[in-house]
Amino acid sequence: MRKQVRFLLVLLAILLAGSSGCGEPKGQLSGKIYDDTTKELVTGSVVVTLTGETSITVTNGQYQFIDVPAGEKTLMIQAEGYKTYTASVHIKADQTITKDVHLVQGTDSPGLVFSIAEALVPGVTSFPTGTNDSTTCAEVNY
């Protein structure tokens, strides 16, 4: 019995020691989204995508991605009535990158059929990230 307990304690110590510092280095990306003409924050149905992770800015025109694997990523921002913004962003390990964006008014973004109520209810059919393909919220990364 003592040998089993000792073995389990040694195994636990090895697992805990091996897990510290393991994994991919990660960083953060955050910023504000402004109207290029009015210089005011863009709020409402704004979809911000970073390499497959989707976040919706609702009330204050701010976005934030936490625990993003370090490396080159593509940032895409779509809002109804604005041109789609796309930029390359380099995420650095253990750092927060701040990237404020100024959206230009225009019509190249397809109408976003995306409401906050739909985003919060799994299984509701919606059209995420400005596509015309129907999918369910459960299939989308929020």
C-alpha atoms as a PDB file:
ATOM      1  CA  MET A   1       0.000   0.000   0.000  1.00  0.00           C
ATOM      2  CA  ARG A   2       2.799   2.425   0.905  1.00  0.00           C
ATOM      3  CA  LYS A   3       4.549   1.657  -2.371  1.00  0.00           C
ATOM      4  CA  GLN A   4       1.381   2.481  -4.304  1.00  0.00           C
ATOM      5  CA  VAL A   5       0.911   5.775  -2.460  1.00  0.00           C
ATOM      6  CA  ARG A   6       4.574   6.685  -2.959  1.00  0.00           C
ATOM      7  CA  PHE A   7       4.333   5.763  -6.642  1.00  0.00           C
ATOM      8  CA  LEU A   8       1.219   7.911  -7.083  1.00  0.00           C
ATOM      9  CA  LEU A   9       2.869  10.868  -5.326  1.00  0.00           C
ATOM     10  CA  VAL A  10       5.979  10.588  -7.517  1.00  0.00           C
ATOM     11  CA  LEU A  11       3.809  10.297 -10.622  1.00  0.00           C
ATOM     12  CA  LEU A  12       1.784  13.349  -9.577  1.00  0.00           C
ATOM     13  CA  ALA A  13       4.961  15.351  -8.940  1.00  0.00           C
ATOM     14  CA  ILE A  14       6.311  14.438 -12.386  1.00  0.00           C
ATOM     15  CA  LEU A  15       3.055  15.417 -14.062  1.00  0.00           C
ATOM     16  CA  LEU A  16       2.889  18.744 -12.245  1.00  0.00           C
ATOM     17  CA  ALA A  17       6.530  19.548 -12.964  1.00  0.00           C
ATOM     18  CA  GLY A  18       6.095  18.623 -16.604  1.00  0.00           C
ATOM     19  CA  SER A  19       3.011  20.771 -17.079  1.00  0.00           C
ATOM     20  CA  SER A  20       4.562  24.042 -15.946  1.00  0.00           C
ATOM     21  CA  GLY A  21       5.681  26.064 -18.915  1.00  0.00           C
ATOM     22  CA  CYS A  22       4.455  23.471 -21.384  1.00  0.00           C
ATOM     23  CA  GLY A  23       2.408  24.314 -24.381  1.00  0.00           C
ATOM     24  CA  GLU A  24       2.446  26.938 -27.029  1.00  0.00           C
ATOM     25  CA  PRO A  25       3.523  30.479 -26.136  1.00  0.00           C
ATOM     26  CA  LYS A  26       0.486  32.759 -26.136  1.00  0.00           C
ATOM     27  CA  GLY A  27      -0.262  36.459 -26.248  1.00  0.00           C
ATOM     28  CA  GLN A  28      -3.226  38.822 -26.385  1.00  0.00           C
ATOM     29  CA  LEU A  29      -4.703  41.182 -28.957  1.00  0.00           C
ATOM     30  CA  SER A  30      -7.065  44.019 -28.117  1.00  0.00           C
ATOM     31  CA  GLY A  31      -8.197  47.285 -29.585  1.00  0.00           C
ATOM     32  CA  LYS A  32     -10.968  49.719 -30.360  1.00  0.00           C
ATOM     33  CA  ILE A  33     -12.970  50.083 -33.558  1.00  0.00           C
ATOM     34  CA  TYR A  34     -13.630  53.627 -34.763  1.00  0.00           C
ATOM     35  CA  ASP A  35     -15.614  55.170 -37.604  1.00  0.00           C
ATOM     36  CA  ASP A  36     -12.983  56.784 -39.843  1.00  0.00           C
ATOM     37  CA  THR A  37     -15.229  59.778 -40.598  1.00  0.00           C
ATOM     38  CA  THR A  38     -16.796  60.553 -37.223  1.00  0.00           C
ATOM     39  CA  LYS A  39     -13.908  59.191 -35.093  1.00  0.00           C
ATOM     40  CA  GLU A  40     -16.527  57.652 -32.771  1.00  0.00           C
ATOM     41  CA  LEU A  41     -16.531  54.031 -31.638  1.00  0.00           C
ATOM     42  CA  VAL A  42     -18.444  51.631 -33.883  1.00  0.00           C
ATOM     43  CA  THR A  43     -20.911  49.588 -31.833  1.00  0.00           C
ATOM     44  CA  GLY A  44     -23.601  47.070 -32.641  1.00  0.00           C
ATOM     45  CA  SER A  45     -23.280  44.187 -35.081  1.00  0.00           C
ATOM     46  CA  VAL A  46     -19.504  44.186 -35.469  1.00  0.00           C
ATOM     47  CA  VAL A  47     -17.831  40.840 -36.141  1.00  0.00           C
ATOM     48  CA  VAL A  48     -14.115  40.580 -35.359  1.00  0.00           C
ATOM     49  CA  THR A  49     -12.313  37.445 -36.544  1.00  0.00           C
ATOM     50  CA  LEU A  50      -8.772  36.396 -35.703  1.00  0.00           C
ATOM     51  CA  THR A  51      -7.619  33.173 -37.312  1.00  0.00           C
ATOM     52  CA  GLY A  52     -10.903  31.359 -36.753  1.00  0.00           C
ATOM     53  CA  GLU A  53     -11.769  32.819 -33.341  1.00  0.00           C
ATOM     54  CA  THR A  54     -14.822  35.092 -33.472  1.00  0.00           C
ATOM     55  CA  SER A  55     -15.715  37.876 -31.063  1.00  0.00           C
ATOM     56  CA  ILE A  56     -18.614  40.311 -31.319  1.00  0.00           C
ATOM     57  CA  THR A  57     -18.273  43.871 -30.076  1.00  0.00           C
ATOM     58  CA  VAL A  58     -21.609  44.950 -28.729  1.00  0.00           C
ATOM     59  CA  THR A  59     -21.677  48.039 -26.546  1.00  0.00           C
ATOM     60  CA  ASN A  60     -18.363  49.833 -26.502  1.00  0.00           C
ATOM     61  CA  GLY A  61     -16.568  49.170 -29.792  1.00  0.00           C
ATOM     62  CA  GLN A  62     -13.765  47.216 -28.132  1.00  0.00           C
ATOM     63  CA  TYR A  63     -12.447  43.754 -28.898  1.00  0.00           C
ATOM     64  CA  GLN A  64     -10.071  41.422 -27.102  1.00  0.00           C
ATOM     65  CA  PHE A  65      -8.568  38.004 -27.789  1.00  0.00           C
ATOM     66  CA  ILE A  66      -6.858  36.227 -24.875  1.00  0.00           C
ATOM     67  CA  ASP A  67      -4.532  33.199 -25.019  1.00  0.00           C
ATOM     68  CA  VAL A  68      -3.815  33.493 -28.737  1.00  0.00           C
ATOM     69  CA  PRO A  69      -0.966  31.275 -29.969  1.00  0.00           C
ATOM     70  CA  ALA A  70       2.043  33.433 -30.885  1.00  0.00           C
ATOM     71  CA  GLY A  71       2.721  34.053 -34.560  1.00  0.00           C
ATOM     72  CA  GLU A  72       1.337  35.771 -37.635  1.00  0.00           C
ATOM     73  CA  LYS A  73      -2.481  36.039 -37.654  1.00  0.00           C
ATOM     74  CA  THR A  74      -5.099  37.643 -39.873  1.00  0.00           C
ATOM     75  CA  LEU A  75      -7.444  40.164 -38.257  1.00  0.00           C
ATOM     76  CA  MET A  76     -10.724  40.787 -40.092  1.00  0.00           C
ATOM     77  CA  ILE A  77     -13.418  43.220 -38.968  1.00  0.00           C
ATOM     78  CA  GLN A  78     -16.852  43.459 -40.584  1.00  0.00           C
ATOM     79  CA  ALA A  79     -19.681  45.816 -39.740  1.00  0.00           C
ATOM     80  CA  GLU A  80     -22.812  46.638 -41.656  1.00  0.00           C
ATOM     81  CA  GLY A  81     -22.358  49.877 -43.596  1.00  0.00           C
ATOM     82  CA  TYR A  82     -18.534  49.678 -43.530  1.00  0.00           C
ATOM     83  CA  LYS A  83     -15.881  48.223 -45.796  1.00  0.00           C
ATOM     84  CA  THR A  84     -14.278  45.034 -44.509  1.00  0.00           C
ATOM     85  CA  TYR A  85     -10.987  45.646 -42.727  1.00  0.00           C
ATOM     86  CA  THR A  86      -8.261  43.005 -43.021  1.00  0.00           C
ATOM     87  CA  ALA A  87      -4.722  43.189 -41.648  1.00  0.00           C
ATOM     88  CA  SER A  88      -1.882  40.920 -40.677  1.00  0.00           C
ATOM     89  CA  VAL A  89      -0.999  41.016 -36.973  1.00  0.00           C
ATOM     90  CA  HIS A  90       2.008  39.460 -35.259  1.00  0.00           C
ATOM     91  CA  ILE A  91       1.080  38.053 -31.846  1.00  0.00           C
ATOM     92  CA  LYS A  92       4.000  37.942 -29.416  1.00  0.00           C
ATOM     93  CA  ALA A  93       4.250  35.514 -26.517  1.00  0.00           C
ATOM     94  CA  ASP A  94       3.388  36.962 -23.105  1.00  0.00           C
ATOM     95  CA  GLN A  95       2.514  40.375 -24.583  1.00  0.00           C
ATOM     96  CA  THR A  96      -0.670  42.291 -25.288  1.00  0.00           C
ATOM     97  CA  ILE A  97      -0.749  43.846 -28.743  1.00  0.00           C
ATOM     98  CA  THR A  98      -3.068  46.850 -29.084  1.00  0.00           C
ATOM     99  CA  LYS A  99      -4.469  47.466 -32.577  1.00  0.00           C
ATOM    100  CA  ASP A 100      -7.046  50.220 -32.954  1.00  0.00           C
ATOM    101  CA  VAL A 101      -8.897  50.159 -36.270  1.00  0.00           C
ATOM    102  CA  HIS A 102     -10.647  52.912 -38.261  1.00  0.00           C
ATOM    103  CA  LEU A 103     -13.426  51.513 -40.463  1.00  0.00           C
ATOM    104  CA  VAL A 104     -14.284  53.310 -43.697  1.00  0.00           C
ATOM    105  CA  GLN A 105     -17.961  53.704 -44.533  1.00  0.00           C
ATOM    106  CA  GLY A 106     -18.916  51.708 -47.607  1.00  0.00           C
ATOM    107  CA  THR A 107     -20.828  48.717 -48.879  1.00  0.00           C
ATOM    108  CA  ASP A 108     -18.374  45.895 -49.598  1.00  0.00           C
ATOM    109  CA  SER A 109     -19.445  43.992 -46.449  1.00  0.00           C
ATOM    110  CA  PRO A 110     -22.481  41.815 -47.059  1.00  0.00           C
ATOM    111  CA  GLY A 111     -25.346  42.632 -44.733  1.00  0.00           C
ATOM    112  CA  LEU A 112     -24.731  40.939 -41.427  1.00  0.00           C
ATOM    113  CA  VAL A 113     -27.772  38.904 -40.487  1.00  0.00           C
ATOM    114  CA  PHE A 114     -26.522  38.466 -36.965  1.00  0.00           C
ATOM    115  CA  SER A 115     -28.189  39.578 -33.785  1.00  0.00           C
ATOM    116  CA  ILE A 116     -26.873  39.462 -30.262  1.00  0.00           C
ATOM    117  CA  ALA A 117     -29.825  37.313 -29.170  1.00  0.00           C
ATOM    118  CA  GLU A 118     -28.926  34.727 -31.824  1.00  0.00           C
ATOM    119  CA  ALA A 119     -25.298  34.693 -30.746  1.00  0.00           C
ATOM    120  CA  LEU A 120     -26.249  33.841 -27.192  1.00  0.00           C
ATOM    121  CA  VAL A 121     -28.641  31.011 -28.021  1.00  0.00           C
ATOM    122  CA  PRO A 122     -26.905  27.815 -29.199  1.00  0.00           C
ATOM    123  CA  GLY A 123     -28.640  26.103 -32.080  1.00  0.00           C
ATOM    124  CA  VAL A 124     -30.152  29.283 -33.553  1.00  0.00           C
ATOM    125  CA  THR A 125     -29.629  29.565 -37.300  1.00  0.00           C
ATOM    126  CA  SER A 126     -27.556  32.596 -38.273  1.00  0.00           C
ATOM    127  CA  PHE A 127     -25.167  33.848 -40.937  1.00  0.00           C
ATOM    128  CA  PRO A 128     -21.841  34.335 -39.101  1.00  0.00           C
ATOM    129  CA  THR A 129     -18.966  36.500 -40.314  1.00  0.00           C
ATOM    130  CA  GLY A 130     -20.981  38.015 -43.148  1.00  0.00           C
ATOM    131  CA  THR A 131     -21.422  34.799 -45.124  1.00  0.00           C
ATOM    132  CA  ASN A 132     -24.551  33.651 -46.852  1.00  0.00           C
ATOM    133  CA  ASP A 133     -24.109  30.090 -45.585  1.00  0.00           C
ATOM    134  CA  SER A 134     -26.575  29.053 -42.926  1.00  0.00           C
ATOM    135  CA  THR A 135     -25.076  27.366 -39.896  1.00  0.00           C
ATOM    136  CA  THR A 136     -25.913  27.021 -36.259  1.00  0.00           C
ATOM    137  CA  CYS A 137     -24.284  28.895 -33.421  1.00  0.00           C
ATOM    138  CA  ALA A 138     -23.105  25.607 -31.991  1.00  0.00           C
ATOM    139  CA  GLU A 139     -20.882  25.191 -35.075  1.00  0.00           C
ATOM    140  CA  VAL A 140     -19.241  28.618 -34.750  1.00  0.00           C
ATOM    141  CA  ASN A 141     -16.410  29.683 -32.422  1.00  0.00           C
ATOM    142  CA  TYR A 142     -17.633  32.523 -30.199  1.00  0.00           C
END
